[in-house]
N, C-alpha and C. Protein backbone atom coordinates (compact mmCIF):
# COMPACT_ATOMS: atom_id res chain seq x y z
N UNK A 1 -103.18 -24.57 -42.93
CA UNK A 1 -103.58 -25.15 -41.67
C UNK A 1 -103.78 -26.66 -41.84
N UNK A 2 -103.16 -27.43 -41.00
CA UNK A 2 -103.25 -28.88 -41.05
C UNK A 2 -104.41 -29.33 -40.17
N UNK A 3 -105.29 -30.18 -40.72
CA UNK A 3 -106.41 -30.69 -39.94
C UNK A 3 -105.92 -31.78 -38.99
N UNK A 4 -106.75 -32.14 -38.02
CA UNK A 4 -106.39 -33.20 -37.08
C UNK A 4 -106.23 -34.54 -37.81
N UNK A 5 -107.09 -34.81 -38.79
CA UNK A 5 -106.98 -36.06 -39.55
C UNK A 5 -105.65 -36.12 -40.31
N UNK A 6 -105.26 -34.99 -40.93
CA UNK A 6 -103.96 -34.93 -41.62
C UNK A 6 -102.82 -35.14 -40.63
N UNK A 7 -102.91 -34.47 -39.50
CA UNK A 7 -101.86 -34.59 -38.48
C UNK A 7 -101.72 -36.04 -38.02
N UNK A 8 -102.85 -36.69 -37.78
CA UNK A 8 -102.81 -38.10 -37.36
C UNK A 8 -102.18 -38.98 -38.43
N UNK A 9 -102.58 -38.75 -39.69
CA UNK A 9 -102.04 -39.54 -40.80
C UNK A 9 -100.53 -39.35 -40.91
N UNK A 10 -100.08 -38.10 -40.90
CA UNK A 10 -98.65 -37.84 -41.04
C UNK A 10 -97.85 -38.35 -39.85
N UNK A 11 -98.42 -38.29 -38.65
CA UNK A 11 -97.73 -38.84 -37.48
C UNK A 11 -97.56 -40.35 -37.60
N UNK A 12 -98.60 -41.03 -38.10
CA UNK A 12 -98.51 -42.48 -38.29
C UNK A 12 -97.44 -42.81 -39.33
N UNK A 13 -97.47 -42.11 -40.45
CA UNK A 13 -96.48 -42.33 -41.50
C UNK A 13 -95.08 -42.01 -41.01
N UNK A 14 -94.94 -40.93 -40.26
CA UNK A 14 -93.64 -40.55 -39.71
C UNK A 14 -93.10 -41.66 -38.81
N UNK A 15 -93.95 -42.20 -37.94
CA UNK A 15 -93.51 -43.28 -37.03
C UNK A 15 -93.08 -44.53 -37.81
N UNK A 16 -93.76 -44.81 -38.91
CA UNK A 16 -93.37 -45.97 -39.72
C UNK A 16 -92.00 -45.76 -40.35
N UNK A 17 -91.69 -44.54 -40.75
CA UNK A 17 -90.41 -44.25 -41.38
C UNK A 17 -89.29 -44.06 -40.36
N UNK A 18 -89.63 -43.64 -39.17
CA UNK A 18 -88.63 -43.45 -38.10
C UNK A 18 -88.41 -44.80 -37.43
N UNK A 19 -87.70 -45.69 -38.12
CA UNK A 19 -87.60 -47.09 -37.69
C UNK A 19 -86.91 -47.27 -36.35
N UNK A 20 -86.03 -46.34 -35.97
CA UNK A 20 -85.37 -46.49 -34.66
C UNK A 20 -86.10 -45.73 -33.55
N UNK A 21 -87.17 -45.02 -33.90
CA UNK A 21 -88.01 -44.37 -32.90
C UNK A 21 -87.38 -43.20 -32.18
N UNK A 22 -86.37 -42.57 -32.78
CA UNK A 22 -85.70 -41.47 -32.09
C UNK A 22 -86.33 -40.10 -32.34
N UNK A 23 -87.44 -40.07 -33.08
CA UNK A 23 -88.13 -38.80 -33.33
C UNK A 23 -87.59 -38.02 -34.51
N UNK A 24 -86.67 -38.61 -35.25
CA UNK A 24 -86.10 -37.98 -36.43
C UNK A 24 -85.90 -39.05 -37.49
N UNK A 25 -86.10 -38.69 -38.75
CA UNK A 25 -85.86 -39.64 -39.84
C UNK A 25 -84.47 -39.35 -40.39
N UNK A 26 -83.66 -40.38 -40.42
CA UNK A 26 -82.33 -40.30 -41.02
C UNK A 26 -82.29 -41.28 -42.19
N UNK A 27 -81.27 -41.17 -43.03
CA UNK A 27 -81.18 -42.07 -44.17
C UNK A 27 -81.18 -43.52 -43.73
N UNK A 28 -80.57 -43.81 -42.59
CA UNK A 28 -80.53 -45.19 -42.10
C UNK A 28 -81.94 -45.73 -41.82
N UNK A 29 -82.86 -44.86 -41.40
CA UNK A 29 -84.24 -45.28 -41.17
C UNK A 29 -84.89 -45.75 -42.47
N UNK A 30 -84.75 -44.95 -43.52
CA UNK A 30 -85.34 -45.33 -44.81
C UNK A 30 -84.66 -46.55 -45.38
N UNK A 31 -83.34 -46.62 -45.24
CA UNK A 31 -82.62 -47.80 -45.71
C UNK A 31 -83.13 -49.06 -45.01
N UNK A 32 -83.34 -48.96 -43.71
CA UNK A 32 -83.83 -50.10 -42.92
C UNK A 32 -85.21 -50.54 -43.41
N UNK A 33 -86.11 -49.58 -43.62
CA UNK A 33 -87.45 -49.89 -44.09
C UNK A 33 -87.42 -50.55 -45.47
N UNK A 34 -86.65 -49.97 -46.38
CA UNK A 34 -86.55 -50.51 -47.74
C UNK A 34 -85.96 -51.91 -47.72
N UNK A 35 -84.85 -52.10 -47.04
CA UNK A 35 -84.19 -53.40 -47.04
C UNK A 35 -85.04 -54.47 -46.36
N UNK A 36 -85.72 -54.12 -45.27
CA UNK A 36 -86.61 -55.08 -44.60
C UNK A 36 -87.74 -55.50 -45.53
N UNK A 37 -88.34 -54.52 -46.20
CA UNK A 37 -89.45 -54.82 -47.11
C UNK A 37 -88.97 -55.69 -48.26
N UNK A 38 -87.82 -55.36 -48.81
CA UNK A 38 -87.28 -56.15 -49.92
C UNK A 38 -86.98 -57.59 -49.49
N UNK A 39 -86.39 -57.74 -48.32
CA UNK A 39 -86.08 -59.08 -47.83
C UNK A 39 -87.36 -59.89 -47.61
N UNK A 40 -88.37 -59.26 -47.03
CA UNK A 40 -89.63 -59.96 -46.77
C UNK A 40 -90.34 -60.34 -48.07
N UNK A 41 -90.09 -59.58 -49.13
CA UNK A 41 -90.74 -59.88 -50.40
C UNK A 41 -90.00 -60.98 -51.17
N UNK A 42 -88.85 -61.39 -50.67
CA UNK A 42 -88.08 -62.43 -51.34
C UNK A 42 -87.26 -61.91 -52.51
N UNK A 43 -87.10 -60.60 -52.60
CA UNK A 43 -86.32 -60.01 -53.67
C UNK A 43 -84.83 -60.21 -53.40
N UNK A 44 -84.11 -60.62 -54.41
CA UNK A 44 -82.68 -60.90 -54.25
C UNK A 44 -81.86 -59.62 -54.29
N UNK A 45 -80.91 -59.48 -53.36
CA UNK A 45 -80.02 -58.31 -53.39
C UNK A 45 -79.31 -58.21 -54.74
N UNK A 46 -79.28 -56.99 -55.28
CA UNK A 46 -78.61 -56.75 -56.55
C UNK A 46 -79.50 -56.94 -57.76
N UNK A 47 -80.71 -57.51 -57.58
CA UNK A 47 -81.60 -57.70 -58.73
C UNK A 47 -82.13 -56.34 -59.21
N UNK A 48 -82.74 -56.35 -60.40
CA UNK A 48 -83.29 -55.11 -60.95
C UNK A 48 -84.33 -54.51 -60.00
N UNK A 49 -85.21 -55.34 -59.48
CA UNK A 49 -86.23 -54.84 -58.56
C UNK A 49 -85.59 -54.25 -57.30
N UNK A 50 -84.58 -54.92 -56.77
CA UNK A 50 -83.89 -54.44 -55.58
C UNK A 50 -83.29 -53.05 -55.84
N UNK A 51 -82.62 -52.92 -56.97
CA UNK A 51 -81.98 -51.63 -57.29
C UNK A 51 -83.02 -50.53 -57.49
N UNK A 52 -84.15 -50.85 -58.16
CA UNK A 52 -85.17 -49.84 -58.44
C UNK A 52 -85.77 -49.30 -57.15
N UNK A 53 -86.14 -50.18 -56.24
CA UNK A 53 -86.76 -49.73 -54.99
C UNK A 53 -85.73 -49.02 -54.11
N UNK A 54 -84.52 -49.53 -54.08
CA UNK A 54 -83.46 -48.86 -53.31
C UNK A 54 -83.20 -47.47 -53.87
N UNK A 55 -83.16 -47.34 -55.20
CA UNK A 55 -82.96 -46.02 -55.81
C UNK A 55 -84.11 -45.07 -55.47
N UNK A 56 -85.35 -45.58 -55.49
CA UNK A 56 -86.49 -44.74 -55.12
C UNK A 56 -86.41 -44.34 -53.64
N UNK A 57 -85.99 -45.25 -52.79
CA UNK A 57 -85.81 -44.93 -51.38
C UNK A 57 -84.76 -43.85 -51.19
N UNK A 58 -83.68 -43.94 -51.94
CA UNK A 58 -82.63 -42.92 -51.86
C UNK A 58 -83.15 -41.57 -52.35
N UNK A 59 -83.97 -41.60 -53.43
CA UNK A 59 -84.54 -40.35 -53.93
C UNK A 59 -85.50 -39.75 -52.91
N UNK A 60 -86.29 -40.61 -52.26
CA UNK A 60 -87.19 -40.12 -51.21
C UNK A 60 -86.39 -39.42 -50.13
N UNK A 61 -85.30 -40.04 -49.71
CA UNK A 61 -84.45 -39.41 -48.68
C UNK A 61 -83.90 -38.08 -49.18
N UNK A 62 -83.36 -38.05 -50.40
CA UNK A 62 -82.81 -36.81 -50.95
C UNK A 62 -83.87 -35.71 -51.00
N UNK A 63 -85.09 -36.08 -51.42
CA UNK A 63 -86.17 -35.10 -51.49
C UNK A 63 -86.58 -34.60 -50.11
N UNK A 64 -86.65 -35.51 -49.15
CA UNK A 64 -87.01 -35.10 -47.79
C UNK A 64 -86.00 -34.10 -47.25
N UNK A 65 -84.76 -34.41 -47.48
CA UNK A 65 -83.70 -33.59 -46.91
C UNK A 65 -83.48 -32.28 -47.65
N UNK A 66 -83.64 -32.30 -48.97
CA UNK A 66 -83.36 -31.12 -49.79
C UNK A 66 -84.23 -29.94 -49.38
N UNK A 67 -83.63 -28.96 -48.83
CA UNK A 67 -84.34 -27.75 -48.46
C UNK A 67 -85.22 -27.87 -47.23
N UNK A 68 -85.31 -29.07 -46.63
CA UNK A 68 -86.19 -29.24 -45.47
C UNK A 68 -85.41 -29.42 -44.18
N UNK A 69 -84.18 -29.83 -44.30
CA UNK A 69 -83.34 -30.03 -43.12
C UNK A 69 -82.83 -28.66 -42.69
N UNK A 70 -83.73 -27.87 -42.14
CA UNK A 70 -83.43 -26.47 -41.86
C UNK A 70 -82.30 -26.29 -40.85
N UNK A 71 -82.15 -27.24 -39.94
CA UNK A 71 -81.06 -27.10 -38.97
C UNK A 71 -79.78 -27.80 -39.43
N UNK A 72 -79.81 -28.34 -40.66
CA UNK A 72 -78.63 -28.95 -41.28
C UNK A 72 -78.00 -30.06 -40.43
N UNK A 73 -78.84 -30.84 -39.75
CA UNK A 73 -78.29 -31.89 -38.89
C UNK A 73 -78.30 -33.26 -39.55
N UNK A 74 -78.70 -33.34 -40.82
CA UNK A 74 -78.69 -34.60 -41.54
C UNK A 74 -79.89 -35.50 -41.25
N UNK A 75 -80.89 -34.96 -40.57
CA UNK A 75 -82.11 -35.70 -40.27
C UNK A 75 -83.32 -34.83 -40.60
N UNK A 76 -84.49 -35.46 -40.63
CA UNK A 76 -85.73 -34.73 -40.90
C UNK A 76 -86.64 -34.87 -39.68
N UNK A 77 -87.06 -33.75 -39.15
CA UNK A 77 -87.97 -33.74 -38.01
C UNK A 77 -89.40 -33.96 -38.49
N UNK A 78 -90.31 -34.17 -37.57
CA UNK A 78 -91.72 -34.36 -37.92
C UNK A 78 -92.25 -33.13 -38.65
N UNK A 79 -91.90 -31.96 -38.21
CA UNK A 79 -92.36 -30.72 -38.86
C UNK A 79 -91.83 -30.64 -40.30
N UNK A 80 -90.56 -30.94 -40.47
CA UNK A 80 -89.97 -30.92 -41.81
C UNK A 80 -90.64 -31.97 -42.71
N UNK A 81 -90.97 -33.10 -42.14
CA UNK A 81 -91.61 -34.19 -42.86
C UNK A 81 -92.97 -33.76 -43.40
N UNK A 82 -93.78 -33.15 -42.56
CA UNK A 82 -95.11 -32.71 -42.98
C UNK A 82 -94.99 -31.68 -44.10
N UNK A 83 -94.01 -30.80 -44.01
CA UNK A 83 -93.79 -29.80 -45.06
C UNK A 83 -93.55 -30.47 -46.40
N UNK A 84 -92.72 -31.51 -46.44
CA UNK A 84 -92.42 -32.21 -47.70
C UNK A 84 -93.67 -32.86 -48.26
N UNK A 85 -94.41 -33.56 -47.44
CA UNK A 85 -95.58 -34.30 -47.91
C UNK A 85 -96.74 -33.41 -48.30
N UNK A 86 -96.68 -32.14 -47.98
CA UNK A 86 -97.73 -31.22 -48.40
C UNK A 86 -97.40 -30.56 -49.74
N UNK A 87 -96.23 -30.85 -50.29
CA UNK A 87 -95.84 -30.30 -51.60
C UNK A 87 -96.29 -31.25 -52.70
N UNK A 88 -97.19 -30.82 -53.60
CA UNK A 88 -97.69 -31.70 -54.67
C UNK A 88 -96.57 -32.30 -55.54
N UNK A 89 -95.55 -31.52 -55.85
CA UNK A 89 -94.48 -32.04 -56.70
C UNK A 89 -93.69 -33.14 -56.01
N UNK A 90 -93.54 -33.06 -54.70
CA UNK A 90 -92.87 -34.12 -53.94
C UNK A 90 -93.70 -35.41 -53.99
N UNK A 91 -95.00 -35.26 -53.79
CA UNK A 91 -95.89 -36.43 -53.83
C UNK A 91 -95.85 -37.10 -55.19
N UNK A 92 -96.01 -36.30 -56.25
CA UNK A 92 -96.09 -36.84 -57.60
C UNK A 92 -94.77 -37.45 -58.08
N UNK A 93 -93.67 -36.78 -57.79
CA UNK A 93 -92.38 -37.21 -58.33
C UNK A 93 -91.69 -38.27 -57.48
N UNK A 94 -91.96 -38.27 -56.16
CA UNK A 94 -91.16 -39.11 -55.29
C UNK A 94 -91.99 -40.04 -54.40
N UNK A 95 -92.86 -39.49 -53.57
CA UNK A 95 -93.53 -40.29 -52.55
C UNK A 95 -94.43 -41.38 -53.14
N UNK A 96 -95.29 -41.01 -54.09
CA UNK A 96 -96.21 -42.00 -54.66
C UNK A 96 -95.47 -43.05 -55.48
N UNK A 97 -94.52 -42.68 -56.38
CA UNK A 97 -93.78 -43.73 -57.08
C UNK A 97 -93.03 -44.67 -56.14
N UNK A 98 -92.50 -44.13 -55.05
CA UNK A 98 -91.79 -44.97 -54.08
C UNK A 98 -92.75 -45.97 -53.44
N UNK A 99 -93.90 -45.49 -52.98
CA UNK A 99 -94.86 -46.39 -52.32
C UNK A 99 -95.40 -47.43 -53.29
N UNK A 100 -95.63 -47.06 -54.54
CA UNK A 100 -96.11 -48.02 -55.53
C UNK A 100 -95.04 -49.08 -55.81
N UNK A 101 -93.77 -48.65 -55.91
CA UNK A 101 -92.68 -49.60 -56.14
C UNK A 101 -92.55 -50.57 -54.98
N UNK A 102 -92.70 -50.08 -53.76
CA UNK A 102 -92.63 -50.96 -52.60
C UNK A 102 -93.82 -51.91 -52.58
N UNK A 103 -95.00 -51.41 -52.96
CA UNK A 103 -96.17 -52.29 -53.07
C UNK A 103 -95.88 -53.42 -54.05
N UNK A 104 -95.32 -53.09 -55.19
CA UNK A 104 -95.02 -54.10 -56.20
C UNK A 104 -94.04 -55.14 -55.68
N UNK A 105 -93.18 -54.76 -54.77
CA UNK A 105 -92.24 -55.71 -54.19
C UNK A 105 -92.97 -56.76 -53.35
N UNK A 106 -94.12 -56.41 -52.84
CA UNK A 106 -94.86 -57.37 -52.01
C UNK A 106 -95.66 -58.37 -52.84
N UNK A 107 -95.62 -58.23 -54.16
CA UNK A 107 -96.30 -59.16 -55.06
C UNK A 107 -95.43 -60.42 -55.18
N UNK A 108 -95.57 -61.30 -54.20
CA UNK A 108 -94.69 -62.47 -54.08
C UNK A 108 -94.81 -63.43 -55.25
N UNK A 109 -95.99 -63.60 -55.81
CA UNK A 109 -96.15 -64.57 -56.89
C UNK A 109 -95.98 -63.95 -58.28
N UNK A 110 -95.72 -62.64 -58.34
CA UNK A 110 -95.43 -61.99 -59.61
C UNK A 110 -96.60 -61.90 -60.57
N UNK A 111 -97.84 -61.93 -60.05
CA UNK A 111 -99.00 -61.89 -60.93
C UNK A 111 -99.46 -60.46 -61.26
N UNK A 112 -98.72 -59.46 -60.79
CA UNK A 112 -99.06 -58.07 -61.10
C UNK A 112 -100.10 -57.46 -60.19
N UNK A 113 -100.46 -58.18 -59.14
CA UNK A 113 -101.41 -57.65 -58.17
C UNK A 113 -101.04 -58.21 -56.80
N UNK A 114 -101.55 -57.53 -55.77
CA UNK A 114 -101.19 -57.89 -54.40
C UNK A 114 -102.43 -58.42 -53.68
N UNK A 115 -102.30 -59.64 -53.19
CA UNK A 115 -103.41 -60.25 -52.44
C UNK A 115 -103.43 -59.69 -51.02
N UNK A 116 -104.50 -59.98 -50.30
CA UNK A 116 -104.60 -59.52 -48.92
C UNK A 116 -103.49 -60.13 -48.06
N UNK A 117 -103.11 -61.37 -48.32
CA UNK A 117 -102.03 -62.01 -47.58
C UNK A 117 -100.71 -61.30 -47.82
N UNK A 118 -100.43 -60.98 -49.08
CA UNK A 118 -99.20 -60.27 -49.41
C UNK A 118 -99.21 -58.87 -48.78
N UNK A 119 -100.36 -58.20 -48.83
CA UNK A 119 -100.51 -56.85 -48.26
C UNK A 119 -100.22 -56.87 -46.76
N UNK A 120 -100.83 -57.80 -46.05
CA UNK A 120 -100.66 -57.86 -44.59
C UNK A 120 -99.19 -58.11 -44.24
N UNK A 121 -98.52 -59.00 -44.97
CA UNK A 121 -97.10 -59.26 -44.71
C UNK A 121 -96.27 -58.00 -44.90
N UNK A 122 -96.57 -57.22 -45.95
CA UNK A 122 -95.84 -55.98 -46.21
C UNK A 122 -96.09 -54.97 -45.10
N UNK A 123 -97.35 -54.84 -44.71
CA UNK A 123 -97.69 -53.89 -43.65
C UNK A 123 -97.04 -54.28 -42.32
N UNK A 124 -97.01 -55.57 -42.03
CA UNK A 124 -96.37 -56.02 -40.79
C UNK A 124 -94.88 -55.70 -40.82
N UNK A 125 -94.25 -55.76 -41.99
CA UNK A 125 -92.84 -55.40 -42.10
C UNK A 125 -92.63 -53.93 -41.72
N UNK A 126 -93.67 -53.12 -41.92
CA UNK A 126 -93.61 -51.70 -41.55
C UNK A 126 -94.09 -51.45 -40.12
N UNK A 127 -94.51 -52.51 -39.43
CA UNK A 127 -94.95 -52.36 -38.04
C UNK A 127 -96.42 -52.06 -37.86
N UNK A 128 -97.21 -52.25 -38.91
CA UNK A 128 -98.65 -51.99 -38.83
C UNK A 128 -99.36 -53.23 -38.29
N UNK A 129 -100.21 -53.07 -37.27
CA UNK A 129 -100.96 -54.23 -36.76
C UNK A 129 -101.87 -54.83 -37.83
N UNK A 130 -102.12 -56.13 -37.72
CA UNK A 130 -102.91 -56.86 -38.71
C UNK A 130 -104.28 -56.23 -38.91
N UNK A 131 -104.99 -55.90 -37.83
CA UNK A 131 -106.34 -55.35 -37.99
C UNK A 131 -106.34 -54.02 -38.75
N UNK A 132 -105.31 -53.20 -38.56
CA UNK A 132 -105.21 -51.95 -39.31
C UNK A 132 -104.89 -52.22 -40.78
N UNK A 133 -104.01 -53.18 -41.03
CA UNK A 133 -103.66 -53.54 -42.41
C UNK A 133 -104.89 -54.04 -43.17
N UNK A 134 -105.68 -54.87 -42.51
CA UNK A 134 -106.89 -55.39 -43.15
C UNK A 134 -107.90 -54.28 -43.44
N UNK A 135 -108.05 -53.36 -42.50
CA UNK A 135 -108.99 -52.25 -42.70
C UNK A 135 -108.54 -51.38 -43.87
N UNK A 136 -107.24 -51.09 -43.96
CA UNK A 136 -106.75 -50.27 -45.06
C UNK A 136 -106.89 -51.00 -46.40
N UNK A 137 -106.63 -52.29 -46.41
CA UNK A 137 -106.81 -53.07 -47.64
C UNK A 137 -108.24 -52.91 -48.14
N UNK A 138 -109.20 -53.00 -47.25
CA UNK A 138 -110.61 -52.84 -47.62
C UNK A 138 -110.91 -51.47 -48.21
N UNK A 139 -110.23 -50.43 -47.70
CA UNK A 139 -110.41 -49.09 -48.23
C UNK A 139 -109.84 -48.96 -49.65
N UNK A 140 -108.71 -49.60 -49.87
CA UNK A 140 -108.00 -49.46 -51.15
C UNK A 140 -108.64 -50.30 -52.25
N UNK A 141 -109.11 -51.48 -51.90
CA UNK A 141 -109.66 -52.42 -52.88
C UNK A 141 -111.01 -51.92 -53.38
N UNK A 142 -110.97 -50.92 -54.25
CA UNK A 142 -112.18 -50.24 -54.72
C UNK A 142 -113.14 -51.17 -55.46
N UNK A 143 -112.61 -52.15 -56.19
CA UNK A 143 -113.49 -53.04 -56.95
C UNK A 143 -113.83 -54.32 -56.18
N UNK A 144 -113.39 -54.42 -54.93
CA UNK A 144 -113.70 -55.55 -54.05
C UNK A 144 -113.37 -56.92 -54.66
N UNK A 145 -112.26 -56.99 -55.43
CA UNK A 145 -111.89 -58.27 -56.01
C UNK A 145 -110.88 -59.05 -55.15
N UNK A 146 -110.48 -58.46 -54.03
CA UNK A 146 -109.55 -59.14 -53.14
C UNK A 146 -108.09 -58.95 -53.51
N UNK A 147 -107.83 -58.06 -54.47
CA UNK A 147 -106.47 -57.78 -54.91
C UNK A 147 -106.28 -56.28 -55.12
N UNK A 148 -105.03 -55.85 -55.00
CA UNK A 148 -104.68 -54.46 -55.27
C UNK A 148 -103.79 -54.43 -56.50
N UNK A 149 -104.15 -53.57 -57.45
CA UNK A 149 -103.32 -53.35 -58.63
C UNK A 149 -102.64 -52.01 -58.54
N UNK A 150 -101.67 -51.77 -59.40
CA UNK A 150 -100.89 -50.53 -59.41
C UNK A 150 -101.79 -49.30 -59.52
N UNK A 151 -102.70 -49.29 -60.49
CA UNK A 151 -103.54 -48.10 -60.70
C UNK A 151 -104.49 -47.88 -59.54
N UNK A 152 -105.02 -48.95 -59.00
CA UNK A 152 -105.94 -48.85 -57.85
C UNK A 152 -105.20 -48.24 -56.65
N UNK A 153 -103.98 -48.69 -56.41
CA UNK A 153 -103.20 -48.19 -55.28
C UNK A 153 -102.76 -46.75 -55.52
N UNK A 154 -102.39 -46.43 -56.75
CA UNK A 154 -101.99 -45.05 -57.07
C UNK A 154 -103.15 -44.09 -56.83
N UNK A 155 -104.35 -44.46 -57.29
CA UNK A 155 -105.52 -43.60 -57.06
C UNK A 155 -105.76 -43.40 -55.57
N UNK A 156 -105.64 -44.48 -54.80
CA UNK A 156 -105.83 -44.40 -53.35
C UNK A 156 -104.82 -43.43 -52.74
N UNK A 157 -103.54 -43.54 -53.12
CA UNK A 157 -102.50 -42.67 -52.56
C UNK A 157 -102.74 -41.21 -52.94
N UNK A 158 -103.10 -40.98 -54.20
CA UNK A 158 -103.38 -39.62 -54.63
C UNK A 158 -104.50 -39.00 -53.82
N UNK A 159 -105.56 -39.78 -53.60
CA UNK A 159 -106.69 -39.29 -52.82
C UNK A 159 -106.29 -39.07 -51.36
N UNK A 160 -105.58 -40.02 -50.80
CA UNK A 160 -105.17 -39.93 -49.39
C UNK A 160 -104.30 -38.71 -49.14
N UNK A 161 -103.36 -38.44 -50.04
CA UNK A 161 -102.43 -37.34 -49.82
C UNK A 161 -103.00 -35.98 -50.18
N UNK A 162 -104.02 -35.94 -51.00
CA UNK A 162 -104.53 -34.63 -51.45
C UNK A 162 -105.89 -34.28 -50.86
N UNK A 163 -106.52 -35.21 -50.13
CA UNK A 163 -107.84 -34.88 -49.58
C UNK A 163 -107.68 -34.17 -48.24
């Protein structure tokens, strides 16, 4: 049974990934999100970072579709999406590494951590309003140092997806 809080969270995430707003996630939606985020981070096409995040995006798409596209139409519905994100192996192997890799792309100065300015720019690329991005940053920044590191963000994602 999915709680209302889980339903709200997954609907928000689904809308962020459904970049064309047609109610279904297709590979083009994930490609659009990945490429927009990479461009906003200043990552050069063809670089190692570009290839790594693009490969993770492709794996995310393959995982979403594998066994979940029950009507075989080449897209993932909201119901199919929630099913994937409720599988621990999907979260551990695909969703969390993808989100962490995309977070790392927003580290514009390459210092190994993401400032609030970098975070807000990344969230805006995904269509998140500034006030929501700031509120989420505050939730994630467990040590209140004004920066997000890989381990801090991973712990946040693990908690968010499994609570």
